[in-house]
Protein backbone atom coordinates (compact mmCIF):
# COMPACT_ATOMS: atom_id res chain seq x y z
CA UNK A 1 7.00 14.61 5.08
CA UNK A 2 9.61 13.06 3.39
CA UNK A 3 8.40 9.53 1.81
CA UNK A 4 10.97 6.65 0.90
CA UNK A 5 9.42 6.70 -2.60
CA UNK A 6 11.51 10.28 -3.48
CA UNK A 7 14.98 7.70 -3.90
CA UNK A 8 13.00 5.81 -6.39
CA UNK A 9 11.79 8.96 -7.91
CA UNK A 10 15.60 10.05 -8.44
CA UNK A 11 16.35 7.03 -9.67
CA UNK A 12 13.92 6.85 -12.43
CA UNK A 13 15.21 10.35 -13.43
CA UNK A 14 18.35 9.52 -14.27
CA UNK A 15 17.54 5.57 -15.22
CA UNK A 16 19.22 4.72 -18.61
CA UNK A 17 16.10 2.91 -18.94
CA UNK A 18 13.74 5.56 -18.54
CA UNK A 19 10.11 5.82 -19.55
CA UNK A 20 7.38 7.85 -18.99
CA UNK A 21 6.38 7.21 -15.54
CA UNK A 22 3.33 6.20 -14.43
CA UNK A 23 2.70 6.58 -10.86
CA UNK A 24 0.18 4.26 -9.32
CA UNK A 25 -1.50 4.22 -5.87
CA UNK A 26 -5.06 4.85 -3.93
CA UNK A 27 -6.70 8.36 -3.65
CA UNK A 28 -4.75 10.80 -1.12
CA UNK A 29 -1.43 8.56 -0.57
CA UNK A 30 0.57 11.62 -1.99
CA UNK A 31 1.28 10.78 -5.32
CA UNK A 32 0.68 14.77 -6.84
CA UNK A 33 2.98 15.96 -3.81
CA UNK A 34 5.74 13.69 -4.52
CA UNK A 35 6.06 14.28 -8.25
CA UNK A 36 5.74 18.11 -7.40
CA UNK A 37 8.68 17.57 -4.84
CA UNK A 38 10.67 15.64 -7.63
CA UNK A 39 9.79 18.53 -9.82
CA UNK A 40 10.70 21.38 -7.72
CA UNK A 41 14.27 19.36 -6.10
CA UNK A 42 15.79 17.75 -9.41
CA UNK A 43 14.36 20.04 -12.04
CA UNK A 44 14.83 23.45 -13.18
CA UNK A 45 11.17 23.90 -14.12
CA UNK A 46 7.67 21.82 -13.30
CA UNK A 47 4.70 21.78 -15.84
CA UNK A 48 1.81 20.68 -14.42
CA UNK A 49 -1.21 19.32 -16.34
CA UNK A 50 -4.28 18.23 -14.31
CA UNK A 51 -6.99 16.65 -16.59
CA UNK A 52 -9.83 16.77 -14.08
CA UNK A 53 -9.19 20.54 -13.20
CA UNK A 54 -8.23 21.59 -16.56
CA UNK A 55 -10.90 20.16 -19.21
CA UNK A 56 -9.58 22.32 -21.85
CA UNK A 57 -5.88 20.51 -21.78
CA UNK A 58 -7.81 17.44 -23.13
CA UNK A 59 -7.91 19.26 -26.93
CA UNK A 60 -4.11 19.44 -26.73
CA UNK A 61 -3.81 15.80 -27.16
CA UNK A 62 -6.24 15.59 -30.03
CA UNK A 63 -3.35 13.50 -32.39
CA UNK A 64 -0.48 11.44 -31.23
CA UNK A 65 2.52 13.82 -32.18
CA UNK A 66 4.36 14.01 -28.85
CA UNK A 67 6.56 17.05 -30.27
CA UNK A 68 3.02 18.70 -31.78
CA UNK A 69 1.84 18.25 -27.98
CA UNK A 70 4.91 19.44 -26.23
CA UNK A 71 4.82 22.55 -28.57
CA UNK A 72 1.02 22.99 -27.38
CA UNK A 73 1.47 22.75 -23.95
CA UNK A 74 4.25 25.51 -24.51
CA UNK A 75 1.89 27.89 -26.09
CA UNK A 76 -1.41 26.85 -23.57
CA UNK A 77 0.49 27.51 -20.19
CA UNK A 78 2.87 30.21 -21.40
CA UNK A 79 6.03 28.66 -20.32
CA UNK A 80 9.16 26.70 -21.48
CA UNK A 81 9.64 23.30 -21.95
CA UNK A 82 13.01 21.60 -22.51
CA UNK A 83 13.85 17.98 -22.84
CA UNK A 84 16.68 17.76 -19.92
CA UNK A 85 15.68 20.38 -17.47
CA UNK A 86 11.60 20.30 -17.47
CA UNK A 87 9.63 17.69 -15.51
CA UNK A 88 5.90 17.21 -17.23
CA UNK A 89 3.54 16.12 -15.07
CA UNK A 90 -0.13 14.68 -15.76
CA UNK A 91 -1.80 14.28 -13.12
CA UNK A 92 -5.79 12.67 -12.76
CA UNK A 93 -4.40 11.16 -16.45
CA UNK A 94 -7.64 8.77 -16.32
CA UNK A 95 -9.59 11.70 -17.06
CA UNK A 96 -8.26 12.18 -20.62
CA UNK A 97 -7.63 8.45 -22.71
CA UNK A 98 -5.79 10.50 -25.18
CA UNK A 99 -3.27 11.99 -22.85
CA UNK A 100 -2.98 8.27 -21.91
CA UNK A 101 -2.08 6.48 -25.07
CA UNK A 102 0.43 9.70 -25.66
CA UNK A 103 2.84 7.82 -22.90
CA UNK A 104 3.38 5.39 -25.88
CA UNK A 105 4.16 7.85 -28.65
CA UNK A 106 6.35 9.98 -26.02
CA UNK A 107 8.64 6.68 -25.52
CA UNK A 108 8.72 5.60 -28.92
CA UNK A 109 9.26 8.90 -30.85
CA UNK A 110 10.12 11.46 -27.99
CA UNK A 111 11.73 9.77 -24.89
CA UNK A 112 14.34 12.96 -24.30
CA UNK A 113 11.29 14.33 -22.67
CA UNK A 114 10.62 13.50 -18.96
CA UNK A 115 6.96 12.41 -18.10
CA UNK A 116 5.49 11.53 -15.02
CA UNK A 117 1.49 10.93 -14.89
CA UNK A 118 -0.62 10.04 -11.82
CA UNK A 119 -3.89 9.53 -10.98
CA UNK A 120 -6.62 8.72 -8.65
CA UNK A 121 -8.25 5.45 -10.13
CA UNK A 122 -5.32 4.81 -12.73
CA UNK A 123 -5.49 1.27 -11.76
CA UNK A 124 -8.81 0.95 -12.20
CA UNK A 125 -8.61 2.73 -15.69
CA UNK A 126 -5.96 0.91 -17.09
CA UNK A 127 -7.60 -2.62 -16.15
CA UNK A 128 -9.69 -1.61 -18.25
CA UNK A 129 -7.83 -0.18 -21.01
CA UNK A 130 -6.99 -2.98 -23.69
CA UNK A 131 -4.87 -0.75 -25.81
CA UNK A 132 -2.37 0.73 -23.15
CA UNK A 133 0.96 -0.67 -24.05
CA UNK A 134 2.86 -2.79 -22.26
CA UNK A 135 6.85 -1.94 -21.74
CA UNK A 136 6.51 1.17 -22.87
CA UNK A 137 5.97 3.09 -19.78
CA UNK A 138 7.84 2.37 -15.88
CA UNK A 139 5.67 1.86 -13.06
CA UNK A 140 5.66 2.90 -9.22
CA UNK A 141 3.27 1.97 -6.98
CA UNK A 142 2.52 4.61 -4.02
CA UNK A 143 1.47 3.26 -0.42
CA UNK A 144 0.52 5.09 2.75
CA UNK A 145 3.08 6.23 4.96
CA UNK A 146 4.61 2.64 6.57
CA UNK A 147 5.34 2.92 10.46
CA UNK A 148 9.31 4.02 9.50
CA UNK A 149 8.16 6.80 7.39
CA UNK A 150 5.63 7.73 10.35
CA UNK A 151 8.23 7.96 12.75
CA UNK A 152 10.58 10.26 10.35
CA UNK A 153 7.20 12.37 9.79
CA UNK A 154 6.22 13.18 13.41
CA UNK A 155 10.10 14.25 13.76
CA UNK A 156 10.92 11.01 15.69
CA UNK A 157 13.74 10.14 13.05
CA UNK A 158 16.32 8.60 15.76
CA UNK A 159 14.04 5.81 16.74
CA UNK A 160 14.05 5.07 12.93
CA UNK A 161 17.44 4.83 12.88
CA UNK A 162 17.80 2.50 15.90
CA UNK A 163 15.26 0.22 13.55
CA UNK A 164 17.25 1.05 10.24
CA UNK A 165 20.39 -0.05 11.60
CA UNK A 166 19.51 -3.08 13.30
CA UNK A 167 20.93 -5.91 11.79
CA UNK A 168 20.35 -9.15 14.75
CA UNK A 169 17.83 -9.67 17.18
CA UNK A 170 19.57 -8.30 20.29
CA UNK A 171 16.98 -7.04 22.60
CA UNK A 172 16.74 -3.17 22.51
CA UNK A 173 17.14 -0.94 25.30
CA UNK A 174 13.37 -1.36 27.46
CA UNK A 175 12.87 2.14 27.50
CA UNK A 176 13.21 2.43 23.28
CA UNK A 177 11.22 -0.91 23.11
CA UNK A 178 8.16 0.51 25.39
CA UNK A 179 8.51 4.02 23.50
CA UNK A 180 8.12 2.45 20.08
CA UNK A 181 4.98 0.51 21.57
CA UNK A 182 3.69 3.63 22.29
CA UNK A 183 4.01 5.14 18.61
CA UNK A 184 2.98 2.14 17.22
CA UNK A 185 -0.51 2.54 19.27
CA UNK A 186 -1.06 5.42 17.78
CA UNK A 187 -0.39 4.97 14.10
CA UNK A 188 -2.72 1.79 14.55
CA UNK A 189 -5.38 4.53 14.48
CA UNK A 190 -4.08 7.20 12.88
CA UNK A 191 -2.89 4.98 9.84
CA UNK A 192 -0.85 6.45 6.89
CA UNK A 193 -3.02 8.71 4.79
CA UNK A 194 -0.62 12.28 4.73
CA UNK A 195 -3.87 14.60 5.61
CA UNK A 196 -4.30 12.39 8.76
CA UNK A 197 -0.70 12.23 10.20
CA UNK A 198 -0.25 16.06 9.00
CA UNK A 199 -3.65 17.03 11.22
CA UNK A 200 -2.68 15.21 13.80
CA UNK A 201 0.58 17.01 14.13
CA UNK A 202 -1.16 20.48 13.72
CA UNK A 203 -3.72 19.47 16.12
CA UNK A 204 -2.33 17.27 18.90
CA UNK A 205 -4.15 15.48 21.14
CA UNK A 206 -7.19 14.60 17.95
CA UNK A 207 -6.81 11.70 16.08
CA UNK A 208 -9.03 13.06 13.48
CA UNK A 209 -11.54 10.95 12.89
CA UNK A 210 -13.62 13.40 10.64
CA UNK A 211 -10.69 13.32 8.17
CA UNK A 212 -10.58 9.91 8.17
CA UNK A 213 -14.74 9.67 7.26
CA UNK A 214 -13.91 12.20 4.77
CA UNK A 215 -11.80 10.27 2.91
CA UNK A 216 -13.69 7.49 3.31
CA UNK A 217 -16.46 9.00 1.44
CA UNK A 218 -14.67 10.05 -1.55
CA UNK A 219 -13.99 6.73 -1.78
CA UNK A 220 -17.89 5.65 -2.00
CA UNK A 221 -18.17 8.68 -3.98
CA UNK A 222 -15.60 6.84 -6.65
CA UNK A 223 -17.61 3.73 -6.99
CA UNK A 224 -20.41 5.67 -7.95
CA UNK A 225 -18.67 8.04 -10.18
CA UNK A 226 -16.62 5.36 -12.10
CA UNK A 227 -18.42 1.95 -11.67
CA UNK A 228 -21.40 0.85 -13.31
CA UNK A 229 -24.67 0.92 -11.11
CA UNK A 230 -24.34 -2.57 -10.77
CA UNK A 231 -20.74 -3.02 -10.41
CA UNK A 232 -20.96 -0.28 -7.80
CA UNK A 233 -23.26 -2.03 -5.36
CA UNK A 234 -20.96 -5.22 -5.42
CA UNK A 235 -17.91 -3.03 -5.00
CA UNK A 236 -19.67 -0.92 -2.33
CA UNK A 237 -20.69 -4.21 -0.39
CA UNK A 238 -17.55 -5.86 -0.52
CA UNK A 239 -15.72 -2.96 0.80
CA UNK A 240 -18.35 -2.52 4.15
CA UNK A 241 -17.58 -6.47 4.67
CA UNK A 242 -14.18 -5.89 5.18
CA UNK A 243 -14.28 -5.10 8.78
CA UNK A 244 -16.73 -7.79 10.10
CA UNK A 245 -14.78 -10.06 7.88
CA UNK A 246 -11.67 -9.51 9.53
CA UNK A 247 -13.15 -9.85 13.03
CA UNK A 248 -14.26 -13.28 12.77
CA UNK A 249 -11.48 -16.01 13.96
CA UNK A 250 -10.87 -17.50 10.51
CA UNK A 251 -10.43 -14.27 8.48
CA UNK A 252 -10.88 -16.13 5.29
CA UNK A 253 -13.31 -14.01 2.79
CA UNK A 254 -16.90 -15.38 2.67
CA UNK A 255 -18.89 -14.47 0.07
CA UNK A 256 -22.23 -15.65 1.73
CA UNK A 257 -21.62 -13.05 4.55
CA UNK A 258 -21.81 -10.11 1.87
CA UNK A 259 -24.74 -11.47 0.02
CA UNK A 260 -26.53 -14.74 1.17
CA UNK A 261 -26.18 -17.52 -1.59
CA UNK A 262 -23.36 -15.41 -3.21
CA UNK A 263 -20.49 -17.20 -5.09
CA UNK A 264 -17.02 -16.07 -5.77
CA UNK A 265 -17.75 -15.15 -9.38
CA UNK A 266 -20.38 -12.91 -8.31
CA UNK A 267 -17.94 -10.70 -6.78
CA UNK A 268 -14.86 -11.21 -8.73
CA UNK A 269 -15.38 -8.14 -10.97
CA UNK A 270 -15.87 -6.15 -7.55
CA UNK A 271 -12.78 -7.43 -6.18
CA UNK A 272 -10.64 -6.44 -9.07
CA UNK A 273 -11.94 -2.87 -8.92
CA UNK A 274 -10.96 -2.50 -5.21
CA UNK A 275 -7.93 -4.07 -5.91
CA UNK A 276 -7.05 -1.99 -9.47
CA UNK A 277 -8.14 0.86 -7.18
CA UNK A 278 -5.25 0.35 -4.59
CA UNK A 279 -8.10 0.35 -1.55
CA UNK A 280 -7.31 -3.50 -0.81
CA UNK A 281 -4.93 -6.07 -0.62
CA UNK A 282 -5.87 -10.05 -1.23
CA UNK A 283 -3.83 -12.39 0.88
CA UNK A 284 -3.80 -15.97 -1.03
CA UNK A 285 -3.69 -19.43 0.68
CA UNK A 286 -0.80 -21.37 -0.54
CA UNK A 287 -0.71 -25.28 -0.17
CA UNK A 288 3.04 -25.36 -0.11
CA UNK A 289 6.10 -23.00 1.13
CA UNK A 290 7.82 -23.39 -2.44
CA UNK A 291 8.62 -21.05 -4.68
CA UNK A 292 7.20 -19.10 -6.44
CA UNK A 293 4.43 -18.79 -4.42
CA UNK A 294 2.12 -17.57 -6.92
CA UNK A 295 2.16 -20.85 -8.68
CA UNK A 296 0.71 -22.60 -5.44
CA UNK A 297 -1.94 -20.13 -4.35
CA UNK A 298 -5.37 -21.33 -4.12
CA UNK A 299 -7.79 -18.39 -5.77
CA UNK A 300 -10.67 -19.85 -3.90
CA UNK A 301 -9.03 -19.05 -0.18
CA UNK A 302 -8.10 -15.90 0.95
CA UNK A 303 -8.25 -13.14 2.94
CA UNK A 304 -9.04 -9.51 2.31
CA UNK A 305 -7.28 -6.74 4.27
CA UNK A 306 -7.43 -2.57 4.50
CA UNK A 307 -4.42 -0.79 2.42
CA UNK A 308 -4.51 1.76 5.40
CA UNK A 309 -4.96 0.48 8.92
CA UNK A 310 -6.15 3.68 10.23
CA UNK A 311 -9.12 3.76 7.84
CA UNK A 312 -9.82 0.03 8.80
CA UNK A 313 -10.19 1.55 12.52
CA UNK A 314 -12.38 4.34 11.51
CA UNK A 315 -14.34 1.90 9.20
CA UNK A 316 -14.83 -0.37 12.28
CA UNK A 317 -16.02 2.64 14.44
CA UNK A 318 -12.94 1.56 16.97
CA UNK A 319 -13.14 4.37 19.79
CA UNK A 320 -10.10 6.63 18.93
CA UNK A 321 -9.59 6.77 23.18
CA UNK A 322 -8.56 3.04 22.46
CA UNK A 323 -5.54 3.94 20.81
CA UNK A 324 -4.30 6.31 23.11
CA UNK A 325 -4.20 4.58 26.09
CA UNK A 326 -3.22 0.91 27.29
CA UNK A 327 -2.31 -2.11 24.74
CA UNK A 328 -5.97 -2.80 23.50
CA UNK A 329 -5.64 -1.62 20.70
CA UNK A 330 -3.60 -4.66 19.23
CA UNK A 331 -6.09 -6.96 20.62
CA UNK A 332 -9.19 -5.50 18.92
CA UNK A 333 -11.50 -7.26 17.31
CA UNK A 334 -9.77 -10.19 17.61
CA UNK A 335 -6.56 -8.73 16.97
CA UNK A 336 -7.93 -7.82 13.14
CA UNK A 337 -6.32 -4.19 13.48
CA UNK A 338 -2.79 -5.56 14.47
CA UNK A 339 -3.02 -8.39 11.81
CA UNK A 340 -4.07 -5.59 8.85
CA UNK A 341 -1.14 -3.53 9.93
CA UNK A 342 1.55 -6.31 9.49
CA UNK A 343 -0.06 -7.04 6.02
CA UNK A 344 0.06 -3.12 5.09
CA UNK A 345 3.71 -3.19 6.06
CA UNK A 346 4.29 -6.27 4.45
CA UNK A 347 2.70 -4.89 1.27
CA UNK A 348 5.20 -2.27 0.42
CA UNK A 349 7.95 -4.62 0.71
CA UNK A 350 6.11 -7.45 -2.07
CA UNK A 351 4.48 -4.82 -4.72
CA UNK A 352 1.28 -6.14 -2.79
CA UNK A 353 1.40 -9.75 -3.19
CA UNK A 354 0.65 -11.07 0.17
CA UNK A 355 0.05 -15.07 0.78
CA UNK A 356 -0.56 -17.37 3.89
CA UNK A 357 -0.44 -20.92 4.50
CA UNK A 358 -2.87 -23.21 5.67
CA UNK A 359 -3.58 -26.76 6.82
CA UNK A 360 -7.11 -28.41 6.68
CA UNK A 361 -8.42 -27.82 10.27
CA UNK A 362 -4.77 -28.27 11.61
CA UNK A 363 -2.91 -25.10 11.62
CA UNK A 364 -2.28 -21.97 9.42
CA UNK A 365 0.61 -19.25 9.54
CA UNK A 366 -0.14 -15.58 9.00
CA UNK A 367 1.92 -14.98 6.72
CA UNK A 368 4.48 -16.29 4.02
CA UNK A 369 6.41 -13.87 2.64
CA UNK A 370 9.22 -14.76 0.23
CA UNK A 371 12.50 -12.58 -0.14
CA UNK A 372 16.00 -13.37 -1.97
CA UNK A 373 15.01 -16.87 -2.66
CA UNK A 374 13.68 -17.56 0.82
CA UNK A 375 10.83 -18.28 2.49
CA UNK A 376 9.94 -16.36 6.03
CA UNK A 377 6.99 -17.72 7.73
CA UNK A 378 5.27 -15.02 9.99
CA UNK A 379 2.78 -15.80 12.77
CA UNK A 380 1.24 -12.63 13.94
CA UNK A 381 0.39 -12.19 17.82
CA UNK A 382 -1.39 -9.26 19.03
CA UNK A 383 0.12 -9.22 22.50
CA UNK A 384 2.78 -10.22 24.36
CA UNK A 385 2.50 -14.11 23.09
CA UNK A 386 5.19 -16.40 22.83
CA UNK A 387 2.84 -19.16 21.99
CA UNK A 388 3.60 -20.20 18.32
CA UNK A 389 2.07 -23.88 17.64
CA UNK A 390 0.69 -23.64 14.22
CA UNK A 391 4.28 -21.96 13.54
CA UNK A 392 6.03 -25.21 14.95
CA UNK A 393 3.77 -27.54 13.37
CA UNK A 394 4.87 -25.54 9.92
CA UNK A 395 8.63 -25.81 10.72
CA UNK A 396 8.36 -29.57 11.56
CA UNK A 397 6.57 -29.97 8.61
CA UNK A 398 8.69 -28.84 6.33
CA UNK A 399 11.82 -28.34 7.67
CA UNK A 400 11.97 -24.59 7.27
CA UNK A 401 14.42 -22.48 9.97
CA UNK A 402 14.22 -20.00 11.54
CA UNK A 403 10.61 -19.18 12.06
CA UNK A 404 9.40 -15.67 12.85
CA UNK A 405 7.14 -14.13 14.82
CA UNK A 406 5.89 -10.85 15.59
CA UNK A 407 4.04 -9.45 18.52
CA UNK A 408 4.60 -7.03 21.51
CA UNK A 409 7.80 -8.60 22.88
CA UNK A 410 11.51 -7.59 22.19
CA UNK A 411 13.58 -8.70 19.99
CA UNK A 412 14.93 -12.30 20.45
CA UNK A 413 15.71 -15.66 18.85
CA UNK A 414 15.86 -18.90 20.41
CA UNK A 415 15.99 -22.53 19.14
CA UNK A 416 14.88 -21.17 15.73
CA UNK A 417 12.11 -18.82 16.42
CA UNK A 418 13.13 -15.48 15.64
CA UNK A 419 11.01 -12.42 17.44
CA UNK A 420 10.33 -9.44 15.38
CA UNK A 421 8.55 -6.54 17.18
CA UNK A 422 5.36 -5.33 15.55
CA UNK A 423 7.28 -1.96 15.20
CA UNK A 424 10.13 -3.31 13.25
CA UNK A 425 8.27 -5.34 10.96
CA UNK A 426 10.08 -3.55 7.73
CA UNK A 427 13.37 -5.00 9.06
CA UNK A 428 11.92 -8.36 8.79
CA UNK A 429 14.03 -10.02 5.85
CA UNK A 430 17.38 -7.91 7.02
CA UNK A 431 17.52 -9.40 10.16
CA UNK A 432 20.05 -12.46 11.18
CA UNK A 433 20.44 -14.66 13.70
């Protein structure tokens, strides 16, 4: 599967600001495969070091001399390593603190070597790694396949091309519009995890919930393996609460639903753990639509979304057949599946930073997206729904135009209201009226 991140990896390889690369992201989103693709297609040689599978690699990093480390790797792996045509991959690097620390010294003393590091819980490790040198590495974050990437993966590139070339709000041909809705319906059940999509192509007609459940089980095992017993329990409690909290009319996360009388500070560590692991996105409420949005966020009011809509469907016990016929999938759990899908697509466009706006008991706008010093207020509807009472209230209050709405309707622009079909959310910031 060709991934959008490939272009960024190529840019890193040739960048004059290139430093050792740290590729972050949740388990099984395709980090290792992407780095190996880079090595195979843009280098003469790839040296692959997996610190989880091969513990004998750890002693090779006993000191901080990068040239000595490279010489040991040459001897141990019986391979040539040159500075220009070899990509050195440090996989599951969180399992070897010395290898993680060595990235600093490679940048300072031997930056001519091309080194890319990845790991299943690298974000968690870095969150607790006080000595990790800021400014000594380049970071990239990898996400599950977006809907646009999914179209390419299943051989529907022509539809992605149509969407990627869209510049205005003129409606698409109705047949194309309906076919895209059909493909999106399946994506909401499958999600963007590469193994799930790959197996769905091998086994057509199956949505492979068993594969999704295996992935979810691996995350539960990570909680136990990589967190303290007390922390693991809280992480698991928060994680398992996400589907039920999203199914509420008011999706604001309520800690007392996790545990009676619980407060935010009781679960701050669990939220950070899940966020660092790349498993959740946290959308914070903002009081005003002013830039920067981060400066106006309310840390006590937020929603939590699962990083992959297909895994959310599996966690919620959704009947896979719902995603294969009709449009009921879009309204399941009061539209929570649809809203989580939009959050996932926006997260890839905003480095995971999500915001929404609320006015006390009057109105709420599902997402406030910012791009190039612009505010893009977005309301999400699960079906063919043209109503946008809260969105219009927001627009009138702050004199912001245009306003954006996403649902199952075709492209449209009228009276300052722009309608972006759910399947075209990735084009939100590029369309003009």
